[in-house]
Amino acid sequence: MNLLVIVNDQPYGSERPFNALRLADALSKRDGVEVRVFLMGDAVACAVAGQQLPDGHYHLDRMLKGVLHRAAVGCCGTCLDARGLHERQLVDGARRSTLAELADWTLWADRTLVF
């Protein structure tokens, strides 16, 4: 089964990105399941490497690194540009992507989950 997870929310303000990445990680560990994650809007900030957070707070960049072992992660290029972010700031493996690639991934997916 092919699953696409689209994340839209800012990294720390709601728990949607946290839950999306937890689910993507759990699903990617299943036999016969291929997962792709697309970050868009404020969610592109989830992929910024080296986030500094208070003790005891979850780190989405670290969570994303775990997901990247088994899943492709694309970050909307237009959304990165709108936030002044560059691909070199992203965790290793996360990459700049396009809406055209998201369209391809949507057609590839058997199911699409949007957070």
N, C-alpha and C. Protein backbone atom coordinates (compact mmCIF):
# COMPACT_ATOMS: atom_id res chain seq x y z
N MET A 1 0.85 -1.17 0.00
CA MET A 1 0.00 0.00 0.00
C MET A 1 0.89 1.23 0.00
N ASN A 2 0.50 2.24 -0.76
CA ASN A 2 1.21 3.50 -0.84
C ASN A 2 0.43 4.57 -0.10
N LEU A 3 1.11 5.24 0.86
CA LEU A 3 0.46 6.26 1.68
C LEU A 3 1.19 7.59 1.58
N LEU A 4 0.43 8.64 1.38
CA LEU A 4 0.95 9.99 1.35
C LEU A 4 0.43 10.74 2.58
N VAL A 5 1.34 11.36 3.31
CA VAL A 5 0.98 12.16 4.47
C VAL A 5 1.34 13.61 4.15
N ILE A 6 0.35 14.48 4.14
CA ILE A 6 0.56 15.91 3.87
C ILE A 6 0.38 16.65 5.18
N VAL A 7 1.38 17.47 5.53
CA VAL A 7 1.35 18.23 6.77
C VAL A 7 1.35 19.71 6.43
N ASN A 8 0.43 20.47 7.03
CA ASN A 8 0.26 21.89 6.75
C ASN A 8 0.59 22.82 7.92
N ASP A 9 0.43 22.35 9.15
CA ASP A 9 0.51 23.24 10.32
C ASP A 9 1.94 23.54 10.75
N GLN A 10 2.07 24.67 11.47
CA GLN A 10 3.35 25.06 12.04
C GLN A 10 3.83 23.98 12.99
N PRO A 11 5.15 23.86 13.15
CA PRO A 11 5.68 22.76 13.95
C PRO A 11 5.24 22.77 15.41
N TYR A 12 5.20 23.93 16.02
CA TYR A 12 4.91 23.99 17.45
C TYR A 12 3.82 25.02 17.69
N GLY A 13 2.63 24.60 17.77
CA GLY A 13 1.49 25.48 17.98
C GLY A 13 0.24 24.63 18.02
N SER A 14 0.35 23.51 17.33
CA SER A 14 -0.66 22.48 17.42
C SER A 14 0.09 21.15 17.45
N GLU A 15 -0.60 20.10 17.74
CA GLU A 15 0.07 18.80 17.76
C GLU A 15 -0.11 18.04 16.45
N ARG A 16 -0.70 18.68 15.44
CA ARG A 16 -0.92 17.98 14.17
C ARG A 16 0.38 17.49 13.54
N PRO A 17 1.42 18.33 13.41
CA PRO A 17 2.66 17.81 12.82
C PRO A 17 3.27 16.68 13.66
N PHE A 18 3.24 16.81 14.98
CA PHE A 18 3.74 15.77 15.87
C PHE A 18 3.02 14.46 15.61
N ASN A 19 1.70 14.51 15.57
CA ASN A 19 0.91 13.29 15.35
C ASN A 19 1.08 12.76 13.93
N ALA A 20 1.19 13.65 12.96
CA ALA A 20 1.40 13.22 11.58
C ALA A 20 2.70 12.45 11.44
N LEU A 21 3.77 12.96 12.03
CA LEU A 21 5.07 12.30 11.93
C LEU A 21 5.11 11.01 12.73
N ARG A 22 4.44 10.98 13.87
CA ARG A 22 4.35 9.72 14.63
C ARG A 22 3.64 8.66 13.81
N LEU A 23 2.53 9.04 13.17
CA LEU A 23 1.78 8.08 12.37
C LEU A 23 2.58 7.66 11.14
N ALA A 24 3.21 8.62 10.47
CA ALA A 24 4.02 8.28 9.28
C ALA A 24 5.12 7.30 9.66
N ASP A 25 5.77 7.53 10.80
CA ASP A 25 6.82 6.63 11.26
C ASP A 25 6.27 5.23 11.53
N ALA A 26 5.16 5.15 12.24
CA ALA A 26 4.55 3.85 12.57
C ALA A 26 4.12 3.11 11.31
N LEU A 27 3.52 3.83 10.37
CA LEU A 27 3.07 3.18 9.13
C LEU A 27 4.24 2.72 8.27
N SER A 28 5.31 3.51 8.27
CA SER A 28 6.47 3.16 7.43
C SER A 28 7.18 1.90 7.91
N LYS A 29 6.91 1.49 9.14
CA LYS A 29 7.52 0.27 9.69
C LYS A 29 6.74 -0.98 9.33
N ARG A 30 5.59 -0.82 8.73
CA ARG A 30 4.73 -1.96 8.36
C ARG A 30 5.21 -2.59 7.07
N ASP A 31 5.15 -3.90 7.00
CA ASP A 31 5.50 -4.62 5.78
C ASP A 31 4.52 -4.26 4.67
N GLY A 32 5.03 -4.05 3.48
CA GLY A 32 4.19 -3.77 2.33
C GLY A 32 3.63 -2.37 2.27
N VAL A 33 4.14 -1.47 3.12
CA VAL A 33 3.66 -0.09 3.14
C VAL A 33 4.80 0.84 2.76
N GLU A 34 4.55 1.69 1.78
CA GLU A 34 5.51 2.73 1.41
C GLU A 34 4.87 4.08 1.74
N VAL A 35 5.63 4.92 2.44
CA VAL A 35 5.12 6.21 2.91
C VAL A 35 5.94 7.33 2.30
N ARG A 36 5.26 8.39 1.93
CA ARG A 36 5.89 9.64 1.52
C ARG A 36 5.24 10.76 2.33
N VAL A 37 6.06 11.73 2.74
CA VAL A 37 5.59 12.85 3.55
C VAL A 37 5.87 14.13 2.78
N PHE A 38 4.86 14.99 2.68
CA PHE A 38 5.01 16.28 2.02
C PHE A 38 4.67 17.37 3.02
N LEU A 39 5.64 18.26 3.27
CA LEU A 39 5.45 19.38 4.18
C LEU A 39 5.15 20.62 3.37
N MET A 40 4.08 21.31 3.73
CA MET A 40 3.75 22.55 3.02
C MET A 40 3.24 23.59 4.00
N GLY A 41 3.15 24.83 3.53
CA GLY A 41 2.76 25.91 4.43
C GLY A 41 3.78 26.02 5.55
N ASP A 42 3.28 26.34 6.73
CA ASP A 42 4.17 26.49 7.88
C ASP A 42 4.85 25.19 8.29
N ALA A 43 4.35 24.06 7.83
CA ALA A 43 4.93 22.77 8.20
C ALA A 43 6.34 22.57 7.65
N VAL A 44 6.76 23.34 6.64
CA VAL A 44 8.14 23.19 6.14
C VAL A 44 9.15 23.44 7.25
N ALA A 45 8.79 24.22 8.26
CA ALA A 45 9.70 24.50 9.38
C ALA A 45 9.95 23.25 10.23
N CYS A 46 9.13 22.22 10.09
CA CYS A 46 9.38 20.97 10.81
C CYS A 46 10.71 20.36 10.40
N ALA A 47 11.14 20.63 9.18
CA ALA A 47 12.34 20.01 8.63
C ALA A 47 13.61 20.82 8.87
N VAL A 48 13.51 21.96 9.54
CA VAL A 48 14.71 22.75 9.83
C VAL A 48 15.56 22.01 10.85
N ALA A 49 16.83 21.80 10.51
CA ALA A 49 17.75 21.05 11.37
C ALA A 49 18.16 21.87 12.59
N GLY A 50 18.48 21.15 13.67
CA GLY A 50 19.05 21.77 14.85
C GLY A 50 18.13 22.66 15.64
N GLN A 51 16.88 22.31 15.73
CA GLN A 51 15.92 23.14 16.46
C GLN A 51 16.27 23.18 17.95
N GLN A 52 16.20 24.36 18.53
CA GLN A 52 16.47 24.56 19.96
C GLN A 52 15.13 24.69 20.69
N LEU A 53 14.86 23.74 21.57
CA LEU A 53 13.59 23.71 22.28
C LEU A 53 13.81 23.48 23.77
N PRO A 54 12.83 23.84 24.60
CA PRO A 54 12.96 23.61 26.04
C PRO A 54 13.09 22.11 26.35
N ASP A 55 13.76 21.80 27.45
CA ASP A 55 13.88 20.41 27.88
C ASP A 55 12.50 19.78 28.02
N GLY A 56 12.39 18.55 27.60
CA GLY A 56 11.14 17.82 27.72
C GLY A 56 10.18 18.01 26.56
N HIS A 57 10.53 18.90 25.61
CA HIS A 57 9.66 19.16 24.47
C HIS A 57 10.09 18.27 23.30
N TYR A 58 9.14 17.78 22.53
CA TYR A 58 9.48 16.95 21.38
C TYR A 58 10.19 17.79 20.31
N HIS A 59 11.07 17.14 19.57
CA HIS A 59 11.84 17.79 18.51
C HIS A 59 11.40 17.20 17.17
N LEU A 60 10.68 17.96 16.40
CA LEU A 60 10.17 17.45 15.12
C LEU A 60 11.28 17.17 14.13
N ASP A 61 12.38 17.93 14.17
CA ASP A 61 13.48 17.66 13.26
C ASP A 61 14.07 16.28 13.55
N ARG A 62 14.17 15.90 14.80
CA ARG A 62 14.68 14.57 15.16
C ARG A 62 13.69 13.48 14.76
N MET A 63 12.40 13.75 14.96
CA MET A 63 11.39 12.79 14.55
C MET A 63 11.44 12.57 13.04
N LEU A 64 11.63 13.66 12.31
CA LEU A 64 11.68 13.58 10.86
C LEU A 64 12.86 12.75 10.39
N LYS A 65 13.99 12.85 11.09
CA LYS A 65 15.17 12.04 10.74
C LYS A 65 14.83 10.56 10.82
N GLY A 66 14.05 10.17 11.83
CA GLY A 66 13.64 8.77 11.95
C GLY A 66 12.75 8.34 10.80
N VAL A 67 11.84 9.19 10.41
CA VAL A 67 10.93 8.90 9.30
C VAL A 67 11.73 8.75 8.00
N LEU A 68 12.76 9.57 7.85
CA LEU A 68 13.55 9.57 6.61
C LEU A 68 14.29 8.25 6.36
N HIS A 69 14.43 7.41 7.36
CA HIS A 69 15.07 6.11 7.15
C HIS A 69 14.22 5.20 6.27
N ARG A 70 12.90 5.47 6.25
CA ARG A 70 12.00 4.58 5.53
C ARG A 70 11.04 5.30 4.60
N ALA A 71 11.11 6.63 4.55
CA ALA A 71 10.13 7.38 3.75
C ALA A 71 10.79 8.57 3.07
N ALA A 72 10.25 8.96 1.94
CA ALA A 72 10.68 10.18 1.25
C ALA A 72 9.98 11.37 1.89
N VAL A 73 10.71 12.48 2.03
CA VAL A 73 10.14 13.70 2.60
C VAL A 73 10.43 14.86 1.65
N GLY A 74 9.35 15.47 1.17
CA GLY A 74 9.46 16.65 0.31
C GLY A 74 8.95 17.87 1.02
N CYS A 75 9.62 19.00 0.77
CA CYS A 75 9.21 20.29 1.36
C CYS A 75 8.85 21.23 0.22
N CYS A 76 7.68 21.81 0.28
CA CYS A 76 7.21 22.72 -0.76
C CYS A 76 8.21 23.86 -0.95
N GLY A 77 8.74 23.99 -2.15
CA GLY A 77 9.72 25.03 -2.44
C GLY A 77 9.16 26.43 -2.32
N THR A 78 7.94 26.64 -2.80
CA THR A 78 7.30 27.95 -2.68
C THR A 78 7.12 28.32 -1.22
N CYS A 79 6.75 27.35 -0.40
CA CYS A 79 6.55 27.58 1.03
C CYS A 79 7.87 27.87 1.74
N LEU A 80 8.94 27.18 1.34
CA LEU A 80 10.26 27.47 1.89
C LEU A 80 10.66 28.91 1.56
N ASP A 81 10.49 29.29 0.29
CA ASP A 81 10.85 30.64 -0.14
C ASP A 81 10.07 31.70 0.63
N ALA A 82 8.78 31.47 0.82
CA ALA A 82 7.92 32.45 1.51
C ALA A 82 8.34 32.65 2.97
N ARG A 83 9.07 31.68 3.51
CA ARG A 83 9.50 31.76 4.91
C ARG A 83 11.00 32.04 5.03
N GLY A 84 11.64 32.31 3.91
CA GLY A 84 13.07 32.62 3.93
C GLY A 84 13.95 31.44 4.30
N LEU A 85 13.48 30.23 4.04
CA LEU A 85 14.24 29.02 4.36
C LEU A 85 14.92 28.48 3.11
N HIS A 86 16.10 27.90 3.31
CA HIS A 86 16.88 27.33 2.20
C HIS A 86 17.03 25.83 2.42
N GLU A 87 17.19 25.11 1.34
CA GLU A 87 17.31 23.65 1.42
C GLU A 87 18.48 23.24 2.32
N ARG A 88 19.54 24.03 2.35
CA ARG A 88 20.70 23.70 3.17
C ARG A 88 20.38 23.73 4.68
N GLN A 89 19.27 24.33 5.07
CA GLN A 89 18.86 24.39 6.47
C GLN A 89 18.06 23.16 6.90
N LEU A 90 17.70 22.31 5.95
CA LEU A 90 16.84 21.16 6.24
C LEU A 90 17.65 19.98 6.77
N VAL A 91 17.00 19.12 7.53
CA VAL A 91 17.64 17.89 7.99
C VAL A 91 18.06 17.07 6.78
N ASP A 92 19.14 16.33 6.96
CA ASP A 92 19.65 15.50 5.87
C ASP A 92 18.56 14.55 5.38
N GLY A 93 18.33 14.54 4.09
CA GLY A 93 17.34 13.67 3.48
C GLY A 93 16.06 14.37 3.10
N ALA A 94 15.67 15.37 3.85
CA ALA A 94 14.50 16.18 3.46
C ALA A 94 14.95 17.07 2.32
N ARG A 95 14.09 17.26 1.36
CA ARG A 95 14.52 18.04 0.20
C ARG A 95 13.43 18.97 -0.30
N ARG A 96 13.89 19.98 -1.02
CA ARG A 96 13.00 20.92 -1.67
C ARG A 96 12.20 20.16 -2.73
N SER A 97 10.92 20.46 -2.81
CA SER A 97 10.06 19.78 -3.77
C SER A 97 9.15 20.81 -4.44
N THR A 98 8.20 20.30 -5.21
CA THR A 98 7.32 21.17 -5.99
C THR A 98 5.87 20.68 -5.87
N LEU A 99 4.96 21.55 -6.27
CA LEU A 99 3.56 21.17 -6.31
C LEU A 99 3.33 20.08 -7.37
N ALA A 100 4.11 20.12 -8.44
CA ALA A 100 4.00 19.07 -9.46
C ALA A 100 4.37 17.71 -8.88
N GLU A 101 5.40 17.67 -8.04
CA GLU A 101 5.75 16.40 -7.41
C GLU A 101 4.66 15.96 -6.43
N LEU A 102 4.09 16.90 -5.69
CA LEU A 102 2.97 16.56 -4.81
C LEU A 102 1.82 15.98 -5.63
N ALA A 103 1.55 16.53 -6.79
CA ALA A 103 0.50 15.99 -7.65
C ALA A 103 0.84 14.56 -8.06
N ASP A 104 2.10 14.31 -8.42
CA ASP A 104 2.53 12.95 -8.78
C ASP A 104 2.37 12.00 -7.59
N TRP A 105 2.80 12.45 -6.41
CA TRP A 105 2.69 11.61 -5.23
C TRP A 105 1.23 11.33 -4.89
N THR A 106 0.35 12.29 -5.11
CA THR A 106 -1.08 12.10 -4.83
C THR A 106 -1.65 11.02 -5.74
N LEU A 107 -1.25 11.04 -7.00
CA LEU A 107 -1.71 10.01 -7.94
C LEU A 107 -1.11 8.65 -7.62
N TRP A 108 0.10 8.62 -7.08
CA TRP A 108 0.79 7.39 -6.69
C TRP A 108 0.12 6.74 -5.49
N ALA A 109 -0.39 7.56 -4.58
CA ALA A 109 -0.88 7.08 -3.29
C ALA A 109 -2.21 6.33 -3.41
N ASP A 110 -2.31 5.26 -2.64
CA ASP A 110 -3.59 4.58 -2.48
C ASP A 110 -4.47 5.36 -1.49
N ARG A 111 -3.80 5.98 -0.52
CA ARG A 111 -4.50 6.81 0.48
C ARG A 111 -3.67 8.03 0.78
N THR A 112 -4.35 9.14 1.02
CA THR A 112 -3.70 10.39 1.38
C THR A 112 -4.28 10.86 2.71
N LEU A 113 -3.39 11.15 3.64
CA LEU A 113 -3.78 11.65 4.96
C LEU A 113 -3.30 13.10 5.06
N VAL A 114 -4.19 13.99 5.46
CA VAL A 114 -3.84 15.42 5.52
C VAL A 114 -3.97 15.90 6.96
N PHE A 115 -2.91 16.51 7.45
CA PHE A 115 -2.88 17.05 8.81
C PHE A 115 -2.68 18.54 8.73
